[in-house]
Amino acid sequence: MKSQHYILSLVLGIIFFCSRLVAAPGFGKLPKPDELVTLDAVTLQTSTGKWFTVTVSFTPRKHPNPEKAFNEDFIDDVKLDLYICLRNNSREKKFKRERKRDFIEADLYDYYHSSVEIITLKVDNIRKELHFLISNELAERDGFNRTVKPVGHIVEMTLGGVPIAFKEGIVFEKHRQESILEKFKEFAQSKSKANEGLLLPAHLVSANYLSNAPAVKIGPSSSASGL
């Protein structure tokens, strides 16, 4: 019964998601994943300095509603949410030292979340980058300071409050099953709350990170996903 209830909830959620897209201004038909904005990559950059850096790269391809835009070369009111999952190697070493045997792989994962509001995004087919920072001391403490690839990530974007889809918007190791990816998303949204504020939009720390960024809002941003 529980599995049937979960499947029904998932189906209803997909229907609701699609209806919002179709009904929203500028989305006369459901855009394909990466049709309006392409998600290019989520990468990690280790450092011996102050910051451990996570970079989200994306490329604006097409305006969702050029007929009604004041300037069809720009998309206004864009929000991006990033959830990142990193393996806590220090916790794993501690468990092994203590000969702890009842832990599972998921107990070694830590989740972080951050959000950026983009005032306007130029539709120029040029790759944009948003950088996010975690204190390198925290990364060293938890043993992921030399990590070159996250366990998984979730990137969500809304245009005018309407969510768009990415081909690689949810990535979790080598898993491709929809049910596993949705469960991973639930975990990320829930468990990242404990680490809220530890993953920072880099431009809040230094404007030097804005060289390849769109016109972002300078200041605290609310989550695009409502969390």
N, C-alpha and C. Protein backbone atom coordinates (compact mmCIF):
# COMPACT_ATOMS: atom_id res chain seq x y z
N MET A 1 0.81 -1.21 0.00
CA MET A 1 0.00 0.00 0.00
C MET A 1 0.86 1.27 0.00
N LYS A 2 1.95 1.25 0.78
CA LYS A 2 2.81 2.42 0.84
C LYS A 2 3.44 2.72 -0.51
N SER A 3 3.88 1.66 -1.22
CA SER A 3 4.50 1.87 -2.53
C SER A 3 3.48 2.42 -3.53
N GLN A 4 2.24 1.92 -3.45
CA GLN A 4 1.19 2.42 -4.34
C GLN A 4 0.89 3.89 -4.05
N HIS A 5 0.87 4.23 -2.77
CA HIS A 5 0.61 5.61 -2.38
C HIS A 5 1.73 6.52 -2.88
N TYR A 6 2.99 6.03 -2.78
CA TYR A 6 4.13 6.83 -3.23
C TYR A 6 4.06 7.06 -4.74
N ILE A 7 3.75 6.00 -5.50
CA ILE A 7 3.66 6.11 -6.96
C ILE A 7 2.56 7.07 -7.36
N LEU A 8 1.40 6.99 -6.67
CA LEU A 8 0.28 7.88 -6.96
C LEU A 8 0.68 9.32 -6.69
N SER A 9 1.36 9.56 -5.56
CA SER A 9 1.79 10.91 -5.20
C SER A 9 2.76 11.46 -6.24
N LEU A 10 3.68 10.58 -6.71
CA LEU A 10 4.66 10.99 -7.70
C LEU A 10 3.98 11.37 -9.02
N VAL A 11 3.02 10.55 -9.45
CA VAL A 11 2.29 10.83 -10.69
C VAL A 11 1.53 12.14 -10.60
N LEU A 12 0.84 12.35 -9.47
CA LEU A 12 0.09 13.59 -9.27
C LEU A 12 1.02 14.80 -9.25
N GLY A 13 2.20 14.61 -8.65
CA GLY A 13 3.17 15.69 -8.62
C GLY A 13 3.65 16.07 -10.00
N ILE A 14 3.90 15.07 -10.84
CA ILE A 14 4.35 15.32 -12.21
C ILE A 14 3.26 16.04 -13.01
N ILE A 15 2.01 15.60 -12.82
CA ILE A 15 0.89 16.24 -13.52
C ILE A 15 0.77 17.70 -13.11
N PHE A 16 0.90 17.96 -11.79
CA PHE A 16 0.80 19.34 -11.30
C PHE A 16 1.94 20.18 -11.85
N PHE A 17 3.16 19.61 -11.87
CA PHE A 17 4.32 20.32 -12.39
C PHE A 17 4.11 20.70 -13.86
N CYS A 18 3.65 19.75 -14.64
CA CYS A 18 3.43 20.00 -16.08
C CYS A 18 2.34 21.03 -16.30
N SER A 19 1.25 20.97 -15.51
CA SER A 19 0.14 21.91 -15.68
C SER A 19 0.58 23.33 -15.37
N ARG A 20 1.48 23.49 -14.39
CA ARG A 20 2.00 24.82 -14.06
C ARG A 20 2.79 25.38 -15.22
N LEU A 21 3.60 24.54 -15.85
CA LEU A 21 4.41 25.00 -16.98
C LEU A 21 3.54 25.40 -18.17
N VAL A 22 2.57 24.55 -18.48
CA VAL A 22 1.72 24.81 -19.65
C VAL A 22 0.87 26.03 -19.44
N ALA A 23 0.38 26.23 -18.21
CA ALA A 23 -0.53 27.34 -17.93
C ALA A 23 0.20 28.66 -17.76
N ALA A 24 1.47 28.64 -17.47
CA ALA A 24 2.20 29.86 -17.17
C ALA A 24 2.43 30.67 -18.43
N PRO A 25 2.44 32.02 -18.31
CA PRO A 25 2.71 32.88 -19.46
C PRO A 25 4.07 32.55 -20.06
N GLY A 26 4.10 32.42 -21.38
CA GLY A 26 5.36 32.15 -22.05
C GLY A 26 5.68 30.68 -22.22
N PHE A 27 4.88 29.82 -21.62
CA PHE A 27 5.11 28.38 -21.73
C PHE A 27 3.88 27.74 -22.39
N GLY A 28 3.60 28.17 -23.63
CA GLY A 28 2.45 27.63 -24.32
C GLY A 28 2.54 26.13 -24.49
N LYS A 29 3.74 25.62 -24.68
CA LYS A 29 3.94 24.18 -24.70
C LYS A 29 5.11 23.85 -23.77
N LEU A 30 5.12 22.65 -23.28
CA LEU A 30 6.11 22.25 -22.30
C LEU A 30 7.51 22.26 -22.93
N PRO A 31 8.43 23.10 -22.42
CA PRO A 31 9.78 23.11 -22.99
C PRO A 31 10.53 21.83 -22.65
N LYS A 32 11.38 21.40 -23.53
CA LYS A 32 12.19 20.22 -23.29
C LYS A 32 13.29 20.56 -22.27
N PRO A 33 13.77 19.55 -21.54
CA PRO A 33 14.90 19.81 -20.63
C PRO A 33 16.07 20.43 -21.37
N ASP A 34 16.64 21.47 -20.82
CA ASP A 34 17.78 22.20 -21.38
C ASP A 34 17.43 23.02 -22.62
N GLU A 35 16.16 23.12 -22.96
CA GLU A 35 15.78 23.88 -24.15
C GLU A 35 15.96 25.38 -23.94
N LEU A 36 15.54 25.89 -22.79
CA LEU A 36 15.63 27.32 -22.51
C LEU A 36 16.99 27.70 -21.92
N VAL A 37 17.41 26.90 -20.95
CA VAL A 37 18.72 27.09 -20.33
C VAL A 37 19.37 25.72 -20.21
N THR A 38 20.60 25.62 -20.66
CA THR A 38 21.34 24.36 -20.58
C THR A 38 22.17 24.34 -19.30
N LEU A 39 22.04 23.26 -18.53
CA LEU A 39 22.91 23.06 -17.38
C LEU A 39 24.17 22.36 -17.88
N ASP A 40 25.30 23.04 -17.81
CA ASP A 40 26.53 22.52 -18.39
C ASP A 40 27.31 21.63 -17.42
N ALA A 41 27.46 22.07 -16.16
CA ALA A 41 28.28 21.29 -15.23
C ALA A 41 28.13 21.79 -13.81
N VAL A 42 28.40 20.89 -12.87
CA VAL A 42 28.57 21.24 -11.46
C VAL A 42 29.94 20.69 -11.07
N THR A 43 30.86 21.57 -10.75
CA THR A 43 32.24 21.16 -10.51
C THR A 43 32.74 21.64 -9.15
N LEU A 44 33.74 20.92 -8.62
CA LEU A 44 34.36 21.27 -7.35
C LEU A 44 35.79 21.72 -7.60
N GLN A 45 36.24 22.68 -6.81
CA GLN A 45 37.62 23.13 -6.90
C GLN A 45 38.21 23.16 -5.50
N THR A 46 39.17 22.30 -5.26
CA THR A 46 39.83 22.26 -3.95
C THR A 46 40.85 23.38 -3.85
N SER A 47 41.20 23.73 -2.63
CA SER A 47 42.10 24.84 -2.42
C SER A 47 42.82 24.69 -1.08
N THR A 48 44.01 25.28 -1.01
CA THR A 48 44.72 25.35 0.27
C THR A 48 44.45 26.69 0.95
N GLY A 49 43.65 27.52 0.31
CA GLY A 49 43.33 28.83 0.86
C GLY A 49 42.11 28.78 1.76
N LYS A 50 41.29 29.82 1.68
CA LYS A 50 40.16 29.96 2.59
C LYS A 50 38.95 29.16 2.17
N TRP A 51 38.78 28.96 0.85
CA TRP A 51 37.49 28.46 0.38
C TRP A 51 37.59 27.18 -0.44
N PHE A 52 36.62 26.33 -0.23
CA PHE A 52 36.33 25.17 -1.08
C PHE A 52 35.20 25.63 -2.00
N THR A 53 35.38 25.51 -3.32
CA THR A 53 34.49 26.15 -4.27
C THR A 53 33.67 25.14 -5.07
N VAL A 54 32.37 25.44 -5.18
CA VAL A 54 31.45 24.67 -6.04
C VAL A 54 30.97 25.61 -7.14
N THR A 55 31.10 25.21 -8.38
CA THR A 55 30.71 26.07 -9.51
C THR A 55 29.60 25.42 -10.32
N VAL A 56 28.54 26.20 -10.57
CA VAL A 56 27.44 25.77 -11.43
C VAL A 56 27.56 26.55 -12.74
N SER A 57 27.69 25.83 -13.85
CA SER A 57 27.80 26.46 -15.16
C SER A 57 26.54 26.19 -15.97
N PHE A 58 26.03 27.23 -16.62
CA PHE A 58 24.81 27.08 -17.42
C PHE A 58 24.83 28.08 -18.57
N THR A 59 24.04 27.78 -19.61
CA THR A 59 24.01 28.62 -20.80
C THR A 59 22.57 28.95 -21.18
N PRO A 60 22.20 30.23 -21.21
CA PRO A 60 20.85 30.62 -21.65
C PRO A 60 20.73 30.48 -23.16
N ARG A 61 19.69 29.73 -23.60
CA ARG A 61 19.54 29.41 -25.02
C ARG A 61 18.37 30.14 -25.69
N LYS A 62 17.29 30.30 -24.93
CA LYS A 62 16.05 30.74 -25.58
C LYS A 62 15.16 31.45 -24.56
N HIS A 63 14.53 32.55 -24.98
CA HIS A 63 13.60 33.26 -24.10
C HIS A 63 12.27 32.52 -24.06
N PRO A 64 11.68 32.35 -22.88
CA PRO A 64 10.41 31.60 -22.79
C PRO A 64 9.23 32.36 -23.36
N ASN A 65 9.31 33.69 -23.44
CA ASN A 65 8.18 34.49 -23.89
C ASN A 65 8.66 35.77 -24.56
N PRO A 66 9.33 35.68 -25.71
CA PRO A 66 9.91 36.87 -26.34
C PRO A 66 8.87 37.90 -26.79
N GLU A 67 7.66 37.46 -27.12
CA GLU A 67 6.64 38.38 -27.61
C GLU A 67 6.22 39.39 -26.54
N LYS A 68 6.21 38.97 -25.30
CA LYS A 68 5.74 39.84 -24.22
C LYS A 68 6.86 40.50 -23.43
N ALA A 69 8.10 40.18 -23.76
CA ALA A 69 9.22 40.75 -23.03
C ALA A 69 9.50 42.18 -23.48
N PHE A 70 9.92 43.03 -22.54
CA PHE A 70 10.33 44.38 -22.91
C PHE A 70 11.56 44.32 -23.80
N ASN A 71 12.43 43.36 -23.51
CA ASN A 71 13.63 43.14 -24.31
C ASN A 71 13.83 41.64 -24.41
N GLU A 72 13.60 41.07 -25.59
CA GLU A 72 13.63 39.61 -25.76
C GLU A 72 15.02 39.02 -25.59
N ASP A 73 16.03 39.87 -25.47
CA ASP A 73 17.39 39.37 -25.26
C ASP A 73 17.70 39.12 -23.79
N PHE A 74 16.73 39.39 -22.91
CA PHE A 74 16.96 39.22 -21.48
C PHE A 74 15.78 38.52 -20.82
N ILE A 75 16.08 37.57 -19.93
CA ILE A 75 15.08 36.89 -19.11
C ILE A 75 15.17 37.45 -17.70
N ASP A 76 14.07 37.98 -17.20
CA ASP A 76 14.05 38.56 -15.86
C ASP A 76 13.53 37.55 -14.83
N ASP A 77 13.81 37.86 -13.56
CA ASP A 77 13.28 37.08 -12.43
C ASP A 77 13.67 35.61 -12.52
N VAL A 78 14.96 35.36 -12.46
CA VAL A 78 15.49 33.99 -12.52
C VAL A 78 16.03 33.63 -11.14
N LYS A 79 15.76 32.41 -10.70
CA LYS A 79 16.29 31.93 -9.42
C LYS A 79 16.94 30.56 -9.61
N LEU A 80 18.02 30.36 -8.92
CA LEU A 80 18.73 29.09 -9.00
C LEU A 80 18.99 28.55 -7.60
N ASP A 81 18.63 27.29 -7.40
CA ASP A 81 18.90 26.60 -6.15
C ASP A 81 19.90 25.48 -6.41
N LEU A 82 20.87 25.36 -5.51
CA LEU A 82 21.86 24.30 -5.59
C LEU A 82 21.84 23.48 -4.30
N TYR A 83 21.74 22.17 -4.46
CA TYR A 83 21.93 21.23 -3.36
C TYR A 83 23.12 20.36 -3.73
N ILE A 84 24.06 20.21 -2.80
CA ILE A 84 25.25 19.42 -3.05
C ILE A 84 25.40 18.37 -1.95
N CYS A 85 25.76 17.16 -2.36
CA CYS A 85 25.96 16.06 -1.41
C CYS A 85 27.44 15.68 -1.43
N LEU A 86 28.07 15.71 -0.24
CA LEU A 86 29.49 15.40 -0.12
C LEU A 86 29.70 14.31 0.92
N ARG A 87 30.68 13.48 0.67
CA ARG A 87 30.96 12.37 1.58
C ARG A 87 31.85 12.83 2.73
N ASN A 88 31.40 12.56 3.96
CA ASN A 88 32.16 12.93 5.15
C ASN A 88 33.16 11.83 5.46
N ASN A 89 34.37 11.98 4.93
CA ASN A 89 35.41 10.96 5.11
C ASN A 89 35.88 10.86 6.56
N SER A 90 35.84 11.96 7.28
CA SER A 90 36.25 11.94 8.69
C SER A 90 35.29 11.10 9.52
N ARG A 91 34.01 11.21 9.21
CA ARG A 91 33.02 10.40 9.94
C ARG A 91 33.23 8.91 9.64
N GLU A 92 33.54 8.61 8.38
CA GLU A 92 33.78 7.21 8.02
C GLU A 92 34.99 6.65 8.79
N LYS A 93 36.07 7.43 8.86
CA LYS A 93 37.25 6.98 9.59
C LYS A 93 36.94 6.77 11.07
N LYS A 94 36.13 7.65 11.64
CA LYS A 94 35.75 7.53 13.05
C LYS A 94 34.94 6.25 13.29
N PHE A 95 33.99 6.00 12.39
CA PHE A 95 33.18 4.78 12.51
C PHE A 95 34.07 3.53 12.45
N LYS A 96 35.06 3.56 11.57
CA LYS A 96 35.94 2.40 11.43
C LYS A 96 36.85 2.23 12.65
N ARG A 97 37.32 3.36 13.19
CA ARG A 97 38.14 3.28 14.40
C ARG A 97 37.35 2.68 15.56
N GLU A 98 36.08 3.05 15.64
CA GLU A 98 35.21 2.56 16.71
C GLU A 98 34.64 1.18 16.41
N ARG A 99 35.00 0.64 15.24
CA ARG A 99 34.49 -0.65 14.79
C ARG A 99 32.95 -0.66 14.74
N LYS A 100 32.42 0.47 14.37
CA LYS A 100 30.97 0.60 14.23
C LYS A 100 30.54 -0.16 12.98
N ARG A 101 29.58 -1.05 13.11
CA ARG A 101 29.19 -1.90 11.99
C ARG A 101 27.75 -1.67 11.52
N ASP A 102 27.00 -0.89 12.28
CA ASP A 102 25.59 -0.74 11.94
C ASP A 102 25.30 0.51 11.11
N PHE A 103 26.35 1.18 10.59
CA PHE A 103 26.09 2.36 9.77
C PHE A 103 25.93 1.94 8.30
N ILE A 104 25.24 2.78 7.56
CA ILE A 104 25.04 2.53 6.13
C ILE A 104 25.71 3.66 5.34
N GLU A 105 25.81 3.47 4.05
CA GLU A 105 26.48 4.46 3.19
C GLU A 105 25.88 5.85 3.36
N ALA A 106 24.56 5.93 3.46
CA ALA A 106 23.89 7.23 3.56
C ALA A 106 24.28 8.00 4.81
N ASP A 107 24.75 7.30 5.85
CA ASP A 107 25.18 7.97 7.09
C ASP A 107 26.44 8.79 6.89
N LEU A 108 27.13 8.57 5.77
CA LEU A 108 28.38 9.27 5.51
C LEU A 108 28.19 10.51 4.64
N TYR A 109 26.93 10.79 4.25
CA TYR A 109 26.66 11.90 3.35
C TYR A 109 26.21 13.14 4.12
N ASP A 110 26.75 14.29 3.71
CA ASP A 110 26.31 15.58 4.23
C ASP A 110 25.77 16.41 3.06
N TYR A 111 24.73 17.18 3.35
CA TYR A 111 24.04 17.94 2.30
C TYR A 111 24.13 19.44 2.59
N TYR A 112 24.32 20.20 1.53
CA TYR A 112 24.40 21.66 1.64
C TYR A 112 23.49 22.30 0.59
N HIS A 113 23.00 23.49 0.91
CA HIS A 113 22.07 24.16 0.01
C HIS A 113 22.36 25.65 -0.04
N SER A 114 22.19 26.24 -1.21
CA SER A 114 22.30 27.68 -1.35
C SER A 114 21.42 28.13 -2.52
N SER A 115 21.11 29.41 -2.54
CA SER A 115 20.19 29.95 -3.54
C SER A 115 20.68 31.31 -4.02
N VAL A 116 20.46 31.59 -5.30
CA VAL A 116 20.85 32.88 -5.89
C VAL A 116 19.69 33.42 -6.71
N GLU A 117 19.40 34.70 -6.53
CA GLU A 117 18.42 35.39 -7.36
C GLU A 117 19.15 36.14 -8.46
N ILE A 118 18.70 35.92 -9.68
CA ILE A 118 19.30 36.58 -10.85
C ILE A 118 18.31 37.62 -11.35
N ILE A 119 18.72 38.87 -11.32
CA ILE A 119 17.81 39.96 -11.70
C ILE A 119 17.44 39.86 -13.18
N THR A 120 18.45 39.65 -14.00
CA THR A 120 18.20 39.46 -15.43
C THR A 120 19.31 38.60 -16.03
N LEU A 121 18.94 37.79 -17.01
CA LEU A 121 19.85 36.83 -17.62
C LEU A 121 19.84 37.06 -19.13
N LYS A 122 20.99 37.43 -19.68
CA LYS A 122 21.08 37.72 -21.11
C LYS A 122 21.06 36.43 -21.92
N VAL A 123 20.17 36.37 -22.92
CA VAL A 123 20.06 35.19 -23.78
C VAL A 123 21.06 35.34 -24.92
N ASP A 124 22.28 34.92 -24.66
CA ASP A 124 23.35 35.15 -25.63
C ASP A 124 24.13 33.87 -25.97
N ASN A 125 23.64 32.71 -25.49
CA ASN A 125 24.33 31.44 -25.75
C ASN A 125 25.77 31.45 -25.26
N ILE A 126 26.04 32.24 -24.23
CA ILE A 126 27.37 32.28 -23.63
C ILE A 126 27.28 31.66 -22.24
N ARG A 127 28.22 30.80 -21.94
CA ARG A 127 28.24 30.07 -20.67
C ARG A 127 28.39 31.03 -19.49
N LYS A 128 27.54 30.86 -18.49
CA LYS A 128 27.59 31.66 -17.26
C LYS A 128 28.04 30.76 -16.10
N GLU A 129 28.59 31.38 -15.08
CA GLU A 129 29.04 30.62 -13.92
C GLU A 129 28.58 31.30 -12.63
N LEU A 130 28.08 30.49 -11.71
CA LEU A 130 27.81 30.95 -10.36
C LEU A 130 28.68 30.11 -9.42
N HIS A 131 29.38 30.77 -8.54
CA HIS A 131 30.29 30.09 -7.62
C HIS A 131 29.69 30.09 -6.21
N PHE A 132 29.88 28.99 -5.51
CA PHE A 132 29.42 28.85 -4.14
C PHE A 132 30.60 28.40 -3.28
N LEU A 133 30.65 28.88 -2.05
CA LEU A 133 31.81 28.65 -1.20
C LEU A 133 31.45 27.94 0.10
N ILE A 134 32.33 27.04 0.51
CA ILE A 134 32.29 26.42 1.83
C ILE A 134 33.65 26.69 2.47
N SER A 135 33.67 27.05 3.73
CA SER A 135 34.93 27.28 4.41
C SER A 135 35.85 26.07 4.26
N ASN A 136 37.09 26.30 3.87
CA ASN A 136 38.03 25.21 3.68
C ASN A 136 38.35 24.50 5.00
N GLU A 137 38.23 25.22 6.11
CA GLU A 137 38.43 24.59 7.41
C GLU A 137 37.36 23.55 7.68
N LEU A 138 36.12 23.86 7.29
CA LEU A 138 35.04 22.89 7.44
C LEU A 138 35.29 21.69 6.52
N ALA A 139 35.76 21.98 5.30
CA ALA A 139 36.04 20.90 4.36
C ALA A 139 37.16 19.99 4.88
N GLU A 140 38.17 20.59 5.49
CA GLU A 140 39.26 19.81 6.07
C GLU A 140 38.76 18.99 7.26
N ARG A 141 37.94 19.61 8.09
CA ARG A 141 37.42 18.90 9.26
C ARG A 141 36.66 17.65 8.87
N ASP A 142 35.83 17.78 7.81
CA ASP A 142 34.98 16.67 7.41
C ASP A 142 35.60 15.79 6.33
N GLY A 143 36.82 16.12 5.93
CA GLY A 143 37.57 15.23 5.06
C GLY A 143 37.18 15.23 3.60
N PHE A 144 36.48 16.26 3.12
CA PHE A 144 36.17 16.30 1.69
C PHE A 144 36.96 17.41 0.99
N ASN A 145 37.99 17.94 1.65
CA ASN A 145 38.76 19.05 1.08
C ASN A 145 39.53 18.67 -0.18
N ARG A 146 39.75 17.37 -0.40
CA ARG A 146 40.41 16.92 -1.62
C ARG A 146 39.45 16.23 -2.58
N THR A 147 38.18 16.34 -2.30
CA THR A 147 37.17 15.72 -3.16
C THR A 147 37.09 16.46 -4.50
N VAL A 148 37.07 15.73 -5.58
CA VAL A 148 37.02 16.35 -6.91
C VAL A 148 35.66 16.16 -7.58
N LYS A 149 34.80 15.33 -6.97
CA LYS A 149 33.49 15.09 -7.55
C LYS A 149 32.48 14.86 -6.43
N PRO A 150 31.34 15.54 -6.46
CA PRO A 150 30.34 15.34 -5.41
C PRO A 150 29.67 13.97 -5.52
N VAL A 151 29.12 13.51 -4.41
CA VAL A 151 28.31 12.29 -4.44
C VAL A 151 27.10 12.51 -5.34
N GLY A 152 26.54 13.70 -5.25
CA GLY A 152 25.39 14.05 -6.08
C GLY A 152 25.08 15.52 -5.96
N HIS A 153 24.23 15.99 -6.87
CA HIS A 153 23.81 17.39 -6.82
C HIS A 153 22.40 17.53 -7.36
N ILE A 154 21.77 18.63 -6.98
CA ILE A 154 20.47 19.01 -7.53
C ILE A 154 20.56 20.48 -7.89
N VAL A 155 20.23 20.82 -9.13
CA VAL A 155 20.17 22.21 -9.56
C VAL A 155 18.75 22.48 -10.05
N GLU A 156 18.12 23.46 -9.44
CA GLU A 156 16.77 23.86 -9.82
C GLU A 156 16.80 25.31 -10.27
N MET A 157 16.02 25.63 -11.31
CA MET A 157 15.94 27.00 -11.79
C MET A 157 14.49 27.35 -12.10
N THR A 158 14.11 28.57 -11.75
CA THR A 158 12.79 29.07 -12.11
C THR A 158 12.95 30.32 -12.95
N LEU A 159 12.06 30.48 -13.92
CA LEU A 159 11.99 31.68 -14.76
C LEU A 159 10.62 32.32 -14.50
N GLY A 160 10.63 33.48 -13.88
CA GLY A 160 9.36 34.11 -13.54
C GLY A 160 8.52 33.27 -12.60
N GLY A 161 9.18 32.52 -11.73
CA GLY A 161 8.48 31.68 -10.76
C GLY A 161 8.08 30.32 -11.28
N VAL A 162 8.34 30.05 -12.56
CA VAL A 162 7.98 28.77 -13.17
C VAL A 162 9.22 27.89 -13.30
N PRO A 163 9.20 26.68 -12.75
CA PRO A 163 10.39 25.82 -12.82
C PRO A 163 10.62 25.28 -14.23
N ILE A 164 11.89 25.18 -14.61
CA ILE A 164 12.26 24.54 -15.87
C ILE A 164 13.06 23.28 -15.55
N ALA A 165 13.17 22.41 -16.54
CA ALA A 165 13.83 21.12 -16.31
C ALA A 165 15.22 21.11 -16.95
N PHE A 166 16.13 20.38 -16.29
CA PHE A 166 17.46 20.13 -16.83
C PHE A 166 17.63 18.63 -17.04
N LYS A 167 18.39 18.27 -18.07
CA LYS A 167 18.67 16.85 -18.31
C LYS A 167 19.44 16.24 -17.15
N GLU A 168 20.38 16.99 -16.61
CA GLU A 168 21.20 16.50 -15.50
C GLU A 168 20.94 17.34 -14.25
N GLY A 169 19.70 17.71 -14.03
CA GLY A 169 19.36 18.53 -12.88
C GLY A 169 19.51 17.78 -11.56
N ILE A 170 19.26 16.47 -11.59
CA ILE A 170 19.47 15.62 -10.41
C ILE A 170 20.46 14.53 -10.78
N VAL A 171 21.58 14.51 -10.10
CA VAL A 171 22.61 13.50 -10.33
C VAL A 171 22.98 12.89 -8.99
N PHE A 172 22.95 11.56 -8.91
CA PHE A 172 23.32 10.86 -7.69
C PHE A 172 24.14 9.64 -8.06
N GLU A 173 25.47 9.77 -7.91
CA GLU A 173 26.40 8.71 -8.28
C GLU A 173 26.06 8.17 -9.67
N LYS A 174 25.91 6.85 -9.82
CA LYS A 174 25.63 6.26 -11.13
C LYS A 174 24.16 5.89 -11.29
N HIS A 175 23.33 6.29 -10.33
CA HIS A 175 21.91 5.92 -10.38
C HIS A 175 21.17 6.74 -11.43
N ARG A 176 20.26 6.07 -12.13
CA ARG A 176 19.44 6.73 -13.13
C ARG A 176 17.94 6.48 -12.92
N GLN A 177 17.61 5.60 -11.98
CA GLN A 177 16.20 5.30 -11.74
C GLN A 177 15.49 6.52 -11.15
N GLU A 178 14.33 6.84 -11.71
CA GLU A 178 13.58 8.02 -11.29
C GLU A 178 13.24 7.98 -9.81
N SER A 179 12.87 6.80 -9.31
CA SER A 179 12.47 6.68 -7.91
C SER A 179 13.64 6.98 -6.97
N ILE A 180 14.85 6.51 -7.32
CA ILE A 180 16.03 6.76 -6.49
C ILE A 180 16.41 8.23 -6.52
N LEU A 181 16.35 8.85 -7.69
CA LEU A 181 16.69 10.26 -7.81
C LEU A 181 15.71 11.13 -7.03
N GLU A 182 14.44 10.78 -7.05
CA GLU A 182 13.44 11.54 -6.30
C GLU A 182 13.67 11.39 -4.79
N LYS A 183 14.03 10.19 -4.36
CA LYS A 183 14.33 9.97 -2.94
C LYS A 183 15.57 10.75 -2.53
N PHE A 184 16.57 10.78 -3.40
CA PHE A 184 17.78 11.56 -3.14
C PHE A 184 17.43 13.04 -3.00
N LYS A 185 16.54 13.53 -3.84
CA LYS A 185 16.12 14.93 -3.77
C LYS A 185 15.42 15.21 -2.45
N GLU A 186 14.57 14.30 -2.01
CA GLU A 186 13.88 14.48 -0.72
C GLU A 186 14.90 14.57 0.41
N PHE A 187 15.88 13.68 0.40
CA PHE A 187 16.93 13.69 1.43
C PHE A 187 17.69 15.02 1.40
N ALA A 188 18.06 15.47 0.23
CA ALA A 188 18.83 16.71 0.11
C ALA A 188 18.04 17.91 0.64
N GLN A 189 16.77 17.99 0.28
CA GLN A 189 15.95 19.11 0.73
C GLN A 189 15.75 19.10 2.24
N SER A 190 15.61 17.91 2.80
CA SER A 190 15.37 17.79 4.23
C SER A 190 16.65 17.96 5.05
N LYS A 191 17.68 17.22 4.70
CA LYS A 191 18.89 17.17 5.53
C LYS A 191 19.79 18.39 5.35
N SER A 192 19.66 19.12 4.24
CA SER A 192 20.49 20.31 4.06
C SER A 192 20.10 21.43 5.02
N LYS A 193 18.92 21.35 5.59
CA LYS A 193 18.49 22.40 6.52
C LYS A 193 19.42 22.49 7.72
N ALA A 194 20.01 21.37 8.12
CA ALA A 194 20.92 21.37 9.26
C ALA A 194 22.20 22.14 8.96
N ASN A 195 22.53 22.30 7.66
CA ASN A 195 23.76 22.99 7.25
C ASN A 195 23.47 24.30 6.54
N GLU A 196 22.24 24.80 6.69
CA GLU A 196 21.87 26.04 6.00
C GLU A 196 22.80 27.17 6.41
N GLY A 197 23.28 27.92 5.41
CA GLY A 197 24.16 29.05 5.66
C GLY A 197 25.64 28.72 5.56
N LEU A 198 25.98 27.44 5.41
CA LEU A 198 27.39 27.04 5.31
C LEU A 198 27.89 27.05 3.87
N LEU A 199 26.97 26.92 2.91
CA LEU A 199 27.30 27.04 1.49
C LEU A 199 26.85 28.43 1.04
N LEU A 200 27.80 29.29 0.70
CA LEU A 200 27.51 30.70 0.44
C LEU A 200 27.64 31.05 -1.04
N PRO A 201 26.72 31.87 -1.59
CA PRO A 201 26.99 32.44 -2.92
C PRO A 201 28.28 33.25 -2.85
N ALA A 202 29.21 32.97 -3.74
CA ALA A 202 30.55 33.54 -3.63
C ALA A 202 30.57 35.05 -3.75
N HIS A 203 29.63 35.62 -4.50
CA HIS A 203 29.64 37.08 -4.70
C HIS A 203 29.29 37.83 -3.42
N LEU A 204 28.72 37.14 -2.43
CA LEU A 204 28.47 37.79 -1.15
C LEU A 204 29.78 37.98 -0.38
N VAL A 205 30.78 37.19 -0.73
CA VAL A 205 32.10 37.28 -0.09
C VAL A 205 33.00 38.23 -0.87
N SER A 206 33.00 38.10 -2.19
CA SER A 206 33.86 38.95 -3.02
C SER A 206 33.26 39.10 -4.42
N ALA A 207 33.27 40.34 -4.91
CA ALA A 207 32.76 40.62 -6.26
C ALA A 207 33.65 40.04 -7.34
N ASN A 208 34.84 39.56 -6.98
CA ASN A 208 35.75 38.96 -7.95
C ASN A 208 35.15 37.71 -8.59
N TYR A 209 34.18 37.09 -7.91
CA TYR A 209 33.57 35.87 -8.43
C TYR A 209 32.50 36.16 -9.48
N LEU A 210 32.26 37.42 -9.79
CA LEU A 210 31.17 37.78 -10.70
C LEU A 210 31.62 37.95 -12.15
N SER A 211 32.87 37.63 -12.46
CA SER A 211 33.38 37.90 -13.80
C SER A 211 32.61 37.16 -14.89
N ASN A 212 32.15 35.94 -14.62
CA ASN A 212 31.38 35.17 -15.62
C ASN A 212 29.94 34.95 -15.19
N ALA A 213 29.48 35.75 -14.24
CA ALA A 213 28.14 35.56 -13.69
C ALA A 213 27.13 36.50 -14.36
N PRO A 214 25.84 36.13 -14.33
CA PRO A 214 24.80 37.06 -14.77
C PRO A 214 24.58 38.13 -13.71
N ALA A 215 23.60 38.99 -13.95
CA ALA A 215 23.32 40.08 -13.01
C ALA A 215 22.57 39.54 -11.80
N VAL A 216 23.30 39.22 -10.75
CA VAL A 216 22.71 38.61 -9.57
C VAL A 216 22.30 39.67 -8.56
N LYS A 217 21.39 39.29 -7.69
CA LYS A 217 21.00 40.16 -6.58
C LYS A 217 22.07 40.08 -5.51
N ILE A 218 22.54 41.23 -5.06
CA ILE A 218 23.55 41.28 -4.01
C ILE A 218 22.83 41.38 -2.67
N GLY A 219 22.92 40.33 -1.89
CA GLY A 219 22.23 40.29 -0.61
C GLY A 219 21.67 38.92 -0.39
N PRO A 220 21.12 38.67 0.82
CA PRO A 220 20.56 37.34 1.12
C PRO A 220 19.45 36.99 0.15
N SER A 221 19.42 35.75 -0.31
CA SER A 221 18.42 35.28 -1.24
C SER A 221 17.55 34.22 -0.57
N SER A 222 16.27 34.29 -0.84
CA SER A 222 15.38 33.23 -0.36
C SER A 222 15.47 32.06 -1.30
N SER A 223 15.11 30.88 -0.83
CA SER A 223 15.21 29.68 -1.63
C SER A 223 14.17 29.68 -2.73
N ALA A 224 14.60 29.36 -3.94
CA ALA A 224 13.65 29.27 -5.06
C ALA A 224 12.67 28.11 -4.91
N SER A 225 13.04 27.14 -4.11
CA SER A 225 12.15 25.99 -3.93
C SER A 225 11.26 26.14 -2.72
N GLY A 226 11.36 27.31 -2.05
CA GLY A 226 10.47 27.56 -0.93
C GLY A 226 10.92 26.93 0.37
N LEU A 227 12.14 26.37 0.44
CA LEU A 227 12.61 25.74 1.66
C LEU A 227 13.27 26.76 2.57
